[in-house]
Amino acid sequence: MSSQEEILSDGRFSCVARDPRFWEMPEKERKVKIDKRFRAMFHDKKFKLRYTVDKRGRPVNYTSTENLRKFYALSESDSDLSASDGKELGVKKKKK
């Protein structure tokens, strides 16, 4: 097999290296942003499934929440809100 450099130096495939359609997406843009309305799907038991085999029948040991974290991310404003909410609750508990 040829190395990646040899393939890209070939005139037939040189346009692939410069074409943005073939670039990898950055991690920040790859995940879909989820707002606070759907925040519960990361920790609610209704959304959690335990897989024992994959689609080809091989044994696996992971849950659907791992897949959710792989494809979805909380939006920055919601994660800031949740962090500030936790701080406010801690302050209220201390005052009581």
PDB file of N, CA and C in Angstrom:
ATOM      1  N   MET A   1       0.835  -1.184   0.000  1.00  0.00           N
ATOM      2  CA  MET A   1       0.000   0.000   0.000  1.00  0.00           C
ATOM      3  C   MET A   1       0.877   1.243   0.000  1.00  0.00           C
ATOM      4  N   SER A   2       0.362   2.275  -0.635  1.00  0.00           N
ATOM      5  CA  SER A   2       1.082   3.539  -0.685  1.00  0.00           C
ATOM      6  C   SER A   2       0.788   4.354   0.551  1.00  0.00           C
ATOM      7  N   SER A   3       1.727   5.198   0.897  1.00  0.00           N
ATOM      8  CA  SER A   3       1.508   6.061   2.047  1.00  0.00           C
ATOM      9  C   SER A   3       0.597   7.223   1.646  1.00  0.00           C
ATOM     10  N   GLN A   4       0.106   7.937   2.637  1.00  0.00           N
ATOM     11  CA  GLN A   4      -0.821   9.048   2.411  1.00  0.00           C
ATOM     12  C   GLN A   4      -0.165  10.152   1.581  1.00  0.00           C
ATOM     13  N   GLU A   5       1.125  10.410   1.798  1.00  0.00           N
ATOM     14  CA  GLU A   5       1.824  11.459   1.066  1.00  0.00           C
ATOM     15  C   GLU A   5       1.920  11.125  -0.422  1.00  0.00           C
ATOM     16  N   GLU A   6       2.179   9.856  -0.710  1.00  0.00           N
ATOM     17  CA  GLU A   6       2.283   9.444  -2.109  1.00  0.00           C
ATOM     18  C   GLU A   6       0.948   9.589  -2.817  1.00  0.00           C
ATOM     19  N   ILE A   7      -0.128   9.303  -2.112  1.00  0.00           N
ATOM     20  CA  ILE A   7      -1.456   9.413  -2.714  1.00  0.00           C
ATOM     21  C   ILE A   7      -1.782  10.874  -2.998  1.00  0.00           C
ATOM     22  N   LEU A   8      -1.487  11.755  -2.030  1.00  0.00           N
ATOM     23  CA  LEU A   8      -1.795  13.170  -2.217  1.00  0.00           C
ATOM     24  C   LEU A   8      -0.878  13.825  -3.237  1.00  0.00           C
ATOM     25  N   SER A   9       0.331  13.300  -3.438  1.00  0.00           N
ATOM     26  CA  SER A   9       1.229  13.877  -4.444  1.00  0.00           C
ATOM     27  C   SER A   9       0.822  13.448  -5.853  1.00  0.00           C
ATOM     28  N   ASP A  10       0.026  12.407  -5.965  1.00  0.00           N
ATOM     29  CA  ASP A  10      -0.463  11.965  -7.269  1.00  0.00           C
ATOM     30  C   ASP A  10      -1.386  13.039  -7.843  1.00  0.00           C
ATOM     31  N   GLY A  11      -1.218  13.371  -9.085  1.00  0.00           N
ATOM     32  CA  GLY A  11      -1.987  14.432  -9.727  1.00  0.00           C
ATOM     33  C   GLY A  11      -3.479  14.161  -9.757  1.00  0.00           C
ATOM     34  N   ARG A  12      -3.856  12.912  -9.808  1.00  0.00           N
ATOM     35  CA  ARG A  12      -5.283  12.583  -9.866  1.00  0.00           C
ATOM     36  C   ARG A  12      -5.997  12.892  -8.563  1.00  0.00           C
ATOM     37  N   PHE A  13      -5.285  12.847  -7.434  1.00  0.00           N
ATOM     38  CA  PHE A  13      -5.910  13.029  -6.133  1.00  0.00           C
ATOM     39  C   PHE A  13      -5.471  14.311  -5.433  1.00  0.00           C
ATOM     40  N   SER A  14      -4.734  15.171  -6.099  1.00  0.00           N
ATOM     41  CA  SER A  14      -4.218  16.373  -5.442  1.00  0.00           C
ATOM     42  C   SER A  14      -5.337  17.340  -5.059  1.00  0.00           C
ATOM     43  N   CYS A  15      -6.433  17.336  -5.791  1.00  0.00           N
ATOM     44  CA  CYS A  15      -7.533  18.251  -5.461  1.00  0.00           C
ATOM     45  C   CYS A  15      -8.254  17.845  -4.179  1.00  0.00           C
ATOM     46  N   VAL A  16      -8.130  16.608  -3.763  1.00  0.00           N
ATOM     47  CA  VAL A  16      -8.794  16.129  -2.555  1.00  0.00           C
ATOM     48  C   VAL A  16      -8.237  16.822  -1.322  1.00  0.00           C
ATOM     49  N   ALA A  17      -6.943  17.075  -1.284  1.00  0.00           N
ATOM     50  CA  ALA A  17      -6.317  17.704  -0.120  1.00  0.00           C
ATOM     51  C   ALA A  17      -6.771  19.146   0.047  1.00  0.00           C
ATOM     52  N   ARG A  18      -7.089  19.830  -1.039  1.00  0.00           N
ATOM     53  CA  ARG A  18      -7.484  21.237  -0.958  1.00  0.00           C
ATOM     54  C   ARG A  18      -8.991  21.437  -0.893  1.00  0.00           C
ATOM     55  N   ASP A  19      -9.752  20.413  -1.153  1.00  0.00           N
ATOM     56  CA  ASP A  19     -11.208  20.544  -1.211  1.00  0.00           C
ATOM     57  C   ASP A  19     -11.808  20.492   0.198  1.00  0.00           C
ATOM     58  N   PRO A  20     -12.552  21.522   0.639  1.00  0.00           N
ATOM     59  CA  PRO A  20     -13.109  21.521   1.994  1.00  0.00           C
ATOM     60  C   PRO A  20     -14.161  20.450   2.238  1.00  0.00           C
ATOM     61  N   ARG A  21     -14.702  19.860   1.187  1.00  0.00           N
ATOM     62  CA  ARG A  21     -15.690  18.800   1.379  1.00  0.00           C
ATOM     63  C   ARG A  21     -15.083  17.568   2.037  1.00  0.00           C
ATOM     64  N   PHE A  22     -13.782  17.391   1.918  1.00  0.00           N
ATOM     65  CA  PHE A  22     -13.132  16.206   2.446  1.00  0.00           C
ATOM     66  C   PHE A  22     -12.380  16.467   3.742  1.00  0.00           C
ATOM     67  N   TRP A  23     -12.441  17.676   4.279  1.00  0.00           N
ATOM     68  CA  TRP A  23     -11.801  17.982   5.555  1.00  0.00           C
ATOM     69  C   TRP A  23     -12.612  17.383   6.686  1.00  0.00           C
ATOM     70  N   GLU A  24     -11.942  17.074   7.790  1.00  0.00           N
ATOM     71  CA  GLU A  24     -12.647  16.590   8.971  1.00  0.00           C
ATOM     72  C   GLU A  24     -13.303  17.762   9.683  1.00  0.00           C
ATOM     73  N   MET A  25     -14.459  17.484  10.271  1.00  0.00           N
ATOM     74  CA  MET A  25     -15.137  18.525  11.036  1.00  0.00           C
ATOM     75  C   MET A  25     -14.460  18.679  12.389  1.00  0.00           C
ATOM     76  N   PRO A  26     -14.337  19.911  12.878  1.00  0.00           N
ATOM     77  CA  PRO A  26     -13.794  20.090  14.230  1.00  0.00           C
ATOM     78  C   PRO A  26     -14.747  19.514  15.273  1.00  0.00           C
ATOM     79  N   GLU A  27     -14.212  19.126  16.420  1.00  0.00           N
ATOM     80  CA  GLU A  27     -15.008  18.495  17.474  1.00  0.00           C
ATOM     81  C   GLU A  27     -16.136  19.408  17.951  1.00  0.00           C
ATOM     82  N   LYS A  28     -15.871  20.721  18.007  1.00  0.00           N
ATOM     83  CA  LYS A  28     -16.894  21.648  18.475  1.00  0.00           C
ATOM     84  C   LYS A  28     -18.091  21.699  17.534  1.00  0.00           C
ATOM     85  N   GLU A  29     -17.840  21.574  16.242  1.00  0.00           N
ATOM     86  CA  GLU A  29     -18.922  21.643  15.266  1.00  0.00           C
ATOM     87  C   GLU A  29     -19.578  20.289  15.025  1.00  0.00           C
ATOM     88  N   ARG A  30     -18.917  19.217  15.423  1.00  0.00           N
ATOM     89  CA  ARG A  30     -19.429  17.874  15.166  1.00  0.00           C
ATOM     90  C   ARG A  30     -20.641  17.544  16.029  1.00  0.00           C
ATOM     91  N   LYS A  31     -20.647  18.036  17.252  1.00  0.00           N
ATOM     92  CA  LYS A  31     -21.725  17.719  18.180  1.00  0.00           C
ATOM     93  C   LYS A  31     -22.866  18.719  18.036  1.00  0.00           C
ATOM     94  N   VAL A  32     -24.090  18.232  18.181  1.00  0.00           N
ATOM     95  CA  VAL A  32     -25.273  19.069  18.129  1.00  0.00           C
ATOM     96  C   VAL A  32     -25.486  19.686  19.512  1.00  0.00           C
ATOM     97  N   LYS A  33     -25.760  20.988  19.545  1.00  0.00           N
ATOM     98  CA  LYS A  33     -25.963  21.674  20.818  1.00  0.00           C
ATOM     99  C   LYS A  33     -27.379  21.420  21.321  1.00  0.00           C
ATOM    100  N   ILE A  34     -27.493  21.041  22.585  1.00  0.00           N
ATOM    101  CA  ILE A  34     -28.766  20.762  23.236  1.00  0.00           C
ATOM    102  C   ILE A  34     -29.016  21.851  24.270  1.00  0.00           C
ATOM    103  N   ASP A  35     -30.220  22.427  24.295  1.00  0.00           N
ATOM    104  CA  ASP A  35     -30.509  23.459  25.287  1.00  0.00           C
ATOM    105  C   ASP A  35     -31.091  22.841  26.554  1.00  0.00           C
ATOM    106  N   LYS A  36     -31.456  23.688  27.509  1.00  0.00           N
ATOM    107  CA  LYS A  36     -31.829  23.210  28.843  1.00  0.00           C
ATOM    108  C   LYS A  36     -33.112  22.387  28.853  1.00  0.00           C
ATOM    109  N   ARG A  37     -33.952  22.502  27.830  1.00  0.00           N
ATOM    110  CA  ARG A  37     -35.191  21.725  27.794  1.00  0.00           C
ATOM    111  C   ARG A  37     -34.918  20.230  27.686  1.00  0.00           C
ATOM    112  N   PHE A  38     -33.832  19.859  27.040  1.00  0.00           N
ATOM    113  CA  PHE A  38     -33.530  18.456  26.807  1.00  0.00           C
ATOM    114  C   PHE A  38     -32.350  17.973  27.644  1.00  0.00           C
ATOM    115  N   ARG A  39     -31.995  18.709  28.666  1.00  0.00           N
ATOM    116  CA  ARG A  39     -30.862  18.370  29.516  1.00  0.00           C
ATOM    117  C   ARG A  39     -31.090  17.056  30.263  1.00  0.00           C
ATOM    118  N   ALA A  40     -32.345  16.718  30.535  1.00  0.00           N
ATOM    119  CA  ALA A  40     -32.657  15.524  31.324  1.00  0.00           C
ATOM    120  C   ALA A  40     -32.308  14.225  30.604  1.00  0.00           C
ATOM    121  N   MET A  41     -32.174  14.258  29.294  1.00  0.00           N
ATOM    122  CA  MET A  41     -31.900  13.014  28.575  1.00  0.00           C
ATOM    123  C   MET A  41     -30.519  12.458  28.877  1.00  0.00           C
ATOM    124  N   PHE A  42     -29.631  13.258  29.461  1.00  0.00           N
ATOM    125  CA  PHE A  42     -28.311  12.756  29.814  1.00  0.00           C
ATOM    126  C   PHE A  42     -28.320  11.956  31.105  1.00  0.00           C
ATOM    127  N   HIS A  43     -29.299  12.169  31.983  1.00  0.00           N
ATOM    128  CA  HIS A  43     -29.277  11.471  33.268  1.00  0.00           C
ATOM    129  C   HIS A  43     -30.599  10.805  33.627  1.00  0.00           C
ATOM    130  N   ASP A  44     -31.624  10.893  32.779  1.00  0.00           N
ATOM    131  CA  ASP A  44     -32.918  10.280  33.058  1.00  0.00           C
ATOM    132  C   ASP A  44     -32.874   8.792  32.716  1.00  0.00           C
ATOM    133  N   LYS A  45     -33.509   7.967  33.543  1.00  0.00           N
ATOM    134  CA  LYS A  45     -33.502   6.520  33.324  1.00  0.00           C
ATOM    135  C   LYS A  45     -34.326   6.116  32.104  1.00  0.00           C
ATOM    136  N   LYS A  46     -35.256   6.953  31.682  1.00  0.00           N
ATOM    137  CA  LYS A  46     -36.071   6.629  30.512  1.00  0.00           C
ATOM    138  C   LYS A  46     -35.242   6.594  29.231  1.00  0.00           C
ATOM    139  N   PHE A  47     -34.155   7.347  29.191  1.00  0.00           N
ATOM    140  CA  PHE A  47     -33.317   7.410  28.009  1.00  0.00           C
ATOM    141  C   PHE A  47     -32.153   6.434  28.055  1.00  0.00           C
ATOM    142  N   LYS A  48     -32.007   5.706  29.137  1.00  0.00           N
ATOM    143  CA  LYS A  48     -30.853   4.831  29.306  1.00  0.00           C
ATOM    144  C   LYS A  48     -31.190   3.402  28.909  1.00  0.00           C
ATOM    145  N   LEU A  49     -30.505   2.906  27.925  1.00  0.00           N
ATOM    146  CA  LEU A  49     -30.612   1.513  27.499  1.00  0.00           C
ATOM    147  C   LEU A  49     -29.251   0.856  27.669  1.00  0.00           C
ATOM    148  N   ARG A  50     -29.252  -0.380  28.092  1.00  0.00           N
ATOM    149  CA  ARG A  50     -28.000  -1.110  28.256  1.00  0.00           C
ATOM    150  C   ARG A  50     -27.875  -2.098  27.113  1.00  0.00           C
ATOM    151  N   TYR A  51     -26.818  -1.927  26.315  1.00  0.00           N
ATOM    152  CA  TYR A  51     -26.593  -2.806  25.179  1.00  0.00           C
ATOM    153  C   TYR A  51     -25.733  -3.991  25.596  1.00  0.00           C
ATOM    154  N   THR A  52     -26.095  -5.163  25.102  1.00  0.00           N
ATOM    155  CA  THR A  52     -25.287  -6.349  25.374  1.00  0.00           C
ATOM    156  C   THR A  52     -24.567  -6.833  24.119  1.00  0.00           C
ATOM    157  N   VAL A  53     -25.147  -6.580  22.949  1.00  0.00           N
ATOM    158  CA  VAL A  53     -24.503  -6.949  21.692  1.00  0.00           C
ATOM    159  C   VAL A  53     -24.612  -5.778  20.719  1.00  0.00           C
ATOM    160  N   ASP A  54     -23.659  -5.691  19.790  1.00  0.00           N
ATOM    161  CA  ASP A  54     -23.739  -4.655  18.770  1.00  0.00           C
ATOM    162  C   ASP A  54     -24.552  -5.162  17.584  1.00  0.00           C
ATOM    163  N   LYS A  55     -24.577  -4.390  16.503  1.00  0.00           N
ATOM    164  CA  LYS A  55     -25.432  -4.777  15.371  1.00  0.00           C
ATOM    165  C   LYS A  55     -24.954  -6.031  14.654  1.00  0.00           C
ATOM    166  N   ARG A  56     -23.739  -6.454  14.908  1.00  0.00           N
ATOM    167  CA  ARG A  56     -23.214  -7.671  14.289  1.00  0.00           C
ATOM    168  C   ARG A  56     -23.209  -8.861  15.243  1.00  0.00           C
ATOM    169  N   GLY A  57     -23.747  -8.672  16.462  1.00  0.00           N
ATOM    170  CA  GLY A  57     -23.857  -9.765  17.400  1.00  0.00           C
ATOM    171  C   GLY A  57     -22.675  -9.942  18.329  1.00  0.00           C
ATOM    172  N   ARG A  58     -21.701  -9.037  18.260  1.00  0.00           N
ATOM    173  CA  ARG A  58     -20.553  -9.129  19.155  1.00  0.00           C
ATOM    174  C   ARG A  58     -20.907  -8.548  20.516  1.00  0.00           C
ATOM    175  N   PRO A  59     -20.424  -9.137  21.582  1.00  0.00           N
ATOM    176  CA  PRO A  59     -20.761  -8.618  22.920  1.00  0.00           C
ATOM    177  C   PRO A  59     -20.103  -7.262  23.182  1.00  0.00           C
ATOM    178  N   VAL A  60     -20.885  -6.347  23.747  1.00  0.00           N
ATOM    179  CA  VAL A  60     -20.397  -5.018  24.113  1.00  0.00           C
ATOM    180  C   VAL A  60     -20.874  -4.693  25.519  1.00  0.00           C
ATOM    181  N   ASN A  61     -20.275  -3.677  26.093  1.00  0.00           N
ATOM    182  CA  ASN A  61     -20.644  -3.284  27.443  1.00  0.00           C
ATOM    183  C   ASN A  61     -20.715  -1.758  27.514  1.00  0.00           C
ATOM    184  N   TYR A  62     -21.758  -1.168  26.945  1.00  0.00           N
ATOM    185  CA  TYR A  62     -21.951   0.267  27.047  1.00  0.00           C
ATOM    186  C   TYR A  62     -23.443   0.585  27.028  1.00  0.00           C
ATOM    187  N   THR A  63     -23.772   1.838  27.329  1.00  0.00           N
ATOM    188  CA  THR A  63     -25.172   2.253  27.413  1.00  0.00           C
ATOM    189  C   THR A  63     -25.460   3.318  26.368  1.00  0.00           C
ATOM    190  N   SER A  64     -26.738   3.615  26.201  1.00  0.00           N
ATOM    191  CA  SER A  64     -27.135   4.612  25.220  1.00  0.00           C
ATOM    192  C   SER A  64     -26.745   6.018  25.647  1.00  0.00           C
ATOM    193  N   THR A  65     -26.559   6.255  26.935  1.00  0.00           N
ATOM    194  CA  THR A  65     -26.155   7.594  27.375  1.00  0.00           C
ATOM    195  C   THR A  65     -24.746   7.920  26.884  1.00  0.00           C
ATOM    196  N   GLU A  66     -23.902   6.926  26.717  1.00  0.00           N
ATOM    197  CA  GLU A  66     -22.582   7.166  26.145  1.00  0.00           C
ATOM    198  C   GLU A  66     -22.705   7.622  24.697  1.00  0.00           C
ATOM    199  N   ASN A  67     -23.646   7.050  23.961  1.00  0.00           N
ATOM    200  CA  ASN A  67     -23.887   7.501  22.593  1.00  0.00           C
ATOM    201  C   ASN A  67     -24.431   8.921  22.579  1.00  0.00           C
ATOM    202  N   LEU A  68     -25.304   9.256  23.526  1.00  0.00           N
ATOM    203  CA  LEU A  68     -25.846  10.609  23.583  1.00  0.00           C
ATOM    204  C   LEU A  68     -24.733  11.615  23.830  1.00  0.00           C
ATOM    205  N   ARG A  69     -23.825  11.307  24.728  1.00  0.00           N
ATOM    206  CA  ARG A  69     -22.714  12.224  25.008  1.00  0.00           C
ATOM    207  C   ARG A  69     -21.761  12.325  23.815  1.00  0.00           C
ATOM    208  N   LYS A  70     -21.714  11.287  22.997  1.00  0.00           N
ATOM    209  CA  LYS A  70     -20.839  11.302  21.836  1.00  0.00           C
ATOM    210  C   LYS A  70     -21.364  12.251  20.753  1.00  0.00           C
ATOM    211  N   PHE A  71     -22.672  12.306  20.572  1.00  0.00           N
ATOM    212  CA  PHE A  71     -23.242  13.084  19.484  1.00  0.00           C
ATOM    213  C   PHE A  71     -23.847  14.417  19.906  1.00  0.00           C
ATOM    214  N   TYR A  72     -24.149  14.601  21.186  1.00  0.00           N
ATOM    215  CA  TYR A  72     -24.790  15.826  21.653  1.00  0.00           C
ATOM    216  C   TYR A  72     -23.954  16.493  22.728  1.00  0.00           C
ATOM    217  N   ALA A  73     -24.046  17.817  22.778  1.00  0.00           N
ATOM    218  CA  ALA A  73     -23.354  18.587  23.813  1.00  0.00           C
ATOM    219  C   ALA A  73     -24.310  19.661  24.312  1.00  0.00           C
ATOM    220  N   LEU A  74     -24.235  19.966  25.603  1.00  0.00           N
ATOM    221  CA  LEU A  74     -25.036  21.051  26.142  1.00  0.00           C
ATOM    222  C   LEU A  74     -24.508  22.367  25.604  1.00  0.00           C
ATOM    223  N   SER A  75     -25.404  23.295  25.295  1.00  0.00           N
ATOM    224  CA  SER A  75     -24.957  24.594  24.821  1.00  0.00           C
ATOM    225  C   SER A  75     -24.242  25.323  25.945  1.00  0.00           C
ATOM    226  N   GLU A  76     -23.343  26.234  25.585  1.00  0.00           N
ATOM    227  CA  GLU A  76     -22.510  26.906  26.574  1.00  0.00           C
ATOM    228  C   GLU A  76     -23.349  27.693  27.568  1.00  0.00           C
ATOM    229  N   SER A  77     -24.404  28.338  27.097  1.00  0.00           N
ATOM    230  CA  SER A  77     -25.228  29.139  27.994  1.00  0.00           C
ATOM    231  C   SER A  77     -25.935  28.248  29.018  1.00  0.00           C
ATOM    232  N   ASP A  78     -26.345  27.050  28.608  1.00  0.00           N
ATOM    233  CA  ASP A  78     -27.019  26.144  29.530  1.00  0.00           C
ATOM    234  C   ASP A  78     -26.037  25.549  30.530  1.00  0.00           C
ATOM    235  N   SER A  79     -24.843  25.220  30.084  1.00  0.00           N
ATOM    236  CA  SER A  79     -23.879  24.667  31.026  1.00  0.00           C
ATOM    237  C   SER A  79     -23.455  25.735  32.028  1.00  0.00           C
ATOM    238  N   ASP A  80     -23.385  26.998  31.597  1.00  0.00           N
ATOM    239  CA  ASP A  80     -23.098  28.083  32.531  1.00  0.00           C
ATOM    240  C   ASP A  80     -24.242  28.268  33.502  1.00  0.00           C
ATOM    241  N   LEU A  81     -25.474  28.148  33.005  1.00  0.00           N
ATOM    242  CA  LEU A  81     -26.632  28.292  33.878  1.00  0.00           C
ATOM    243  C   LEU A  81     -26.680  27.179  34.912  1.00  0.00           C
ATOM    244  N   SER A  82     -26.397  25.963  34.481  1.00  0.00           N
ATOM    245  CA  SER A  82     -26.453  24.854  35.428  1.00  0.00           C
ATOM    246  C   SER A  82     -25.367  24.990  36.492  1.00  0.00           C
ATOM    247  N   ALA A  83     -24.204  25.472  36.115  1.00  0.00           N
ATOM    248  CA  ALA A  83     -23.136  25.671  37.098  1.00  0.00           C
ATOM    249  C   ALA A  83     -23.511  26.779  38.072  1.00  0.00           C
ATOM    250  N   SER A  84     -24.095  27.865  37.563  1.00  0.00           N
ATOM    251  CA  SER A  84     -24.485  28.960  38.454  1.00  0.00           C
ATOM    252  C   SER A  84     -25.671  28.550  39.325  1.00  0.00           C
ATOM    253  N   ASP A  85     -26.572  27.718  38.818  1.00  0.00           N
ATOM    254  CA  ASP A  85     -27.693  27.228  39.618  1.00  0.00           C
ATOM    255  C   ASP A  85     -27.188  26.397  40.793  1.00  0.00           C
ATOM    256  N   GLY A  86     -26.190  25.571  40.536  1.00  0.00           N
ATOM    257  CA  GLY A  86     -25.618  24.757  41.607  1.00  0.00           C
ATOM    258  C   GLY A  86     -24.979  25.616  42.678  1.00  0.00           C
ATOM    259  N   LYS A  87     -24.316  26.698  42.261  1.00  0.00           N
ATOM    260  CA  LYS A  87     -23.700  27.604  43.233  1.00  0.00           C
ATOM    261  C   LYS A  87     -24.764  28.313  44.058  1.00  0.00           C
ATOM    262  N   GLU A  88     -25.848  28.735  43.406  1.00  0.00           N
ATOM    263  CA  GLU A  88     -26.916  29.425  44.117  1.00  0.00           C
ATOM    264  C   GLU A  88     -27.591  28.499  45.124  1.00  0.00           C
ATOM    265  N   LEU A  89     -27.790  27.235  44.747  1.00  0.00           N
ATOM    266  CA  LEU A  89     -28.400  26.286  45.672  1.00  0.00           C
ATOM    267  C   LEU A  89     -27.498  26.062  46.876  1.00  0.00           C
ATOM    268  N   GLY A  90     -26.198  25.988  46.638  1.00  0.00           N
ATOM    269  CA  GLY A  90     -25.270  25.809  47.740  1.00  0.00           C
ATOM    270  C   GLY A  90     -25.289  26.991  48.689  1.00  0.00           C
ATOM    271  N   VAL A  91     -25.417  28.206  48.161  1.00  0.00           N
ATOM    272  CA  VAL A  91     -25.477  29.405  48.995  1.00  0.00           C
ATOM    273  C   VAL A  91     -26.769  29.422  49.781  1.00  0.00           C
ATOM    274  N   LYS A  92     -27.881  29.030  49.165  1.00  0.00           N
ATOM    275  CA  LYS A  92     -29.170  29.015  49.852  1.00  0.00           C
ATOM    276  C   LYS A  92     -29.162  27.987  50.987  1.00  0.00           C
ATOM    277  N   LYS A  93     -28.540  26.837  50.757  1.00  0.00           N
ATOM    278  CA  LYS A  93     -28.479  25.807  51.782  1.00  0.00           C
ATOM    279  C   LYS A  93     -27.652  26.284  52.972  1.00  0.00           C
ATOM    280  N   LYS A  94     -26.574  27.015  52.696  1.00  0.00           N
ATOM    281  CA  LYS A  94     -25.728  27.512  53.778  1.00  0.00           C
ATOM    282  C   LYS A  94     -26.465  28.558  54.609  1.00  0.00           C
ATOM    283  N   LYS A  95     -27.301  29.381  53.961  1.00  0.00           N
ATOM    284  CA  LYS A  95     -28.034  30.421  54.676  1.00  0.00           C
ATOM    285  C   LYS A  95     -29.087  29.807  55.579  1.00  0.00           C
ATOM    286  N   LYS A  96     -29.689  28.699  55.151  1.00  0.00           N
ATOM    287  CA  LYS A  96     -30.730  28.063  55.952  1.00  0.00           C
ATOM    288  C   LYS A  96     -30.096  27.417  57.152  1.00  0.00           C
TER     289      LYS A  96
END
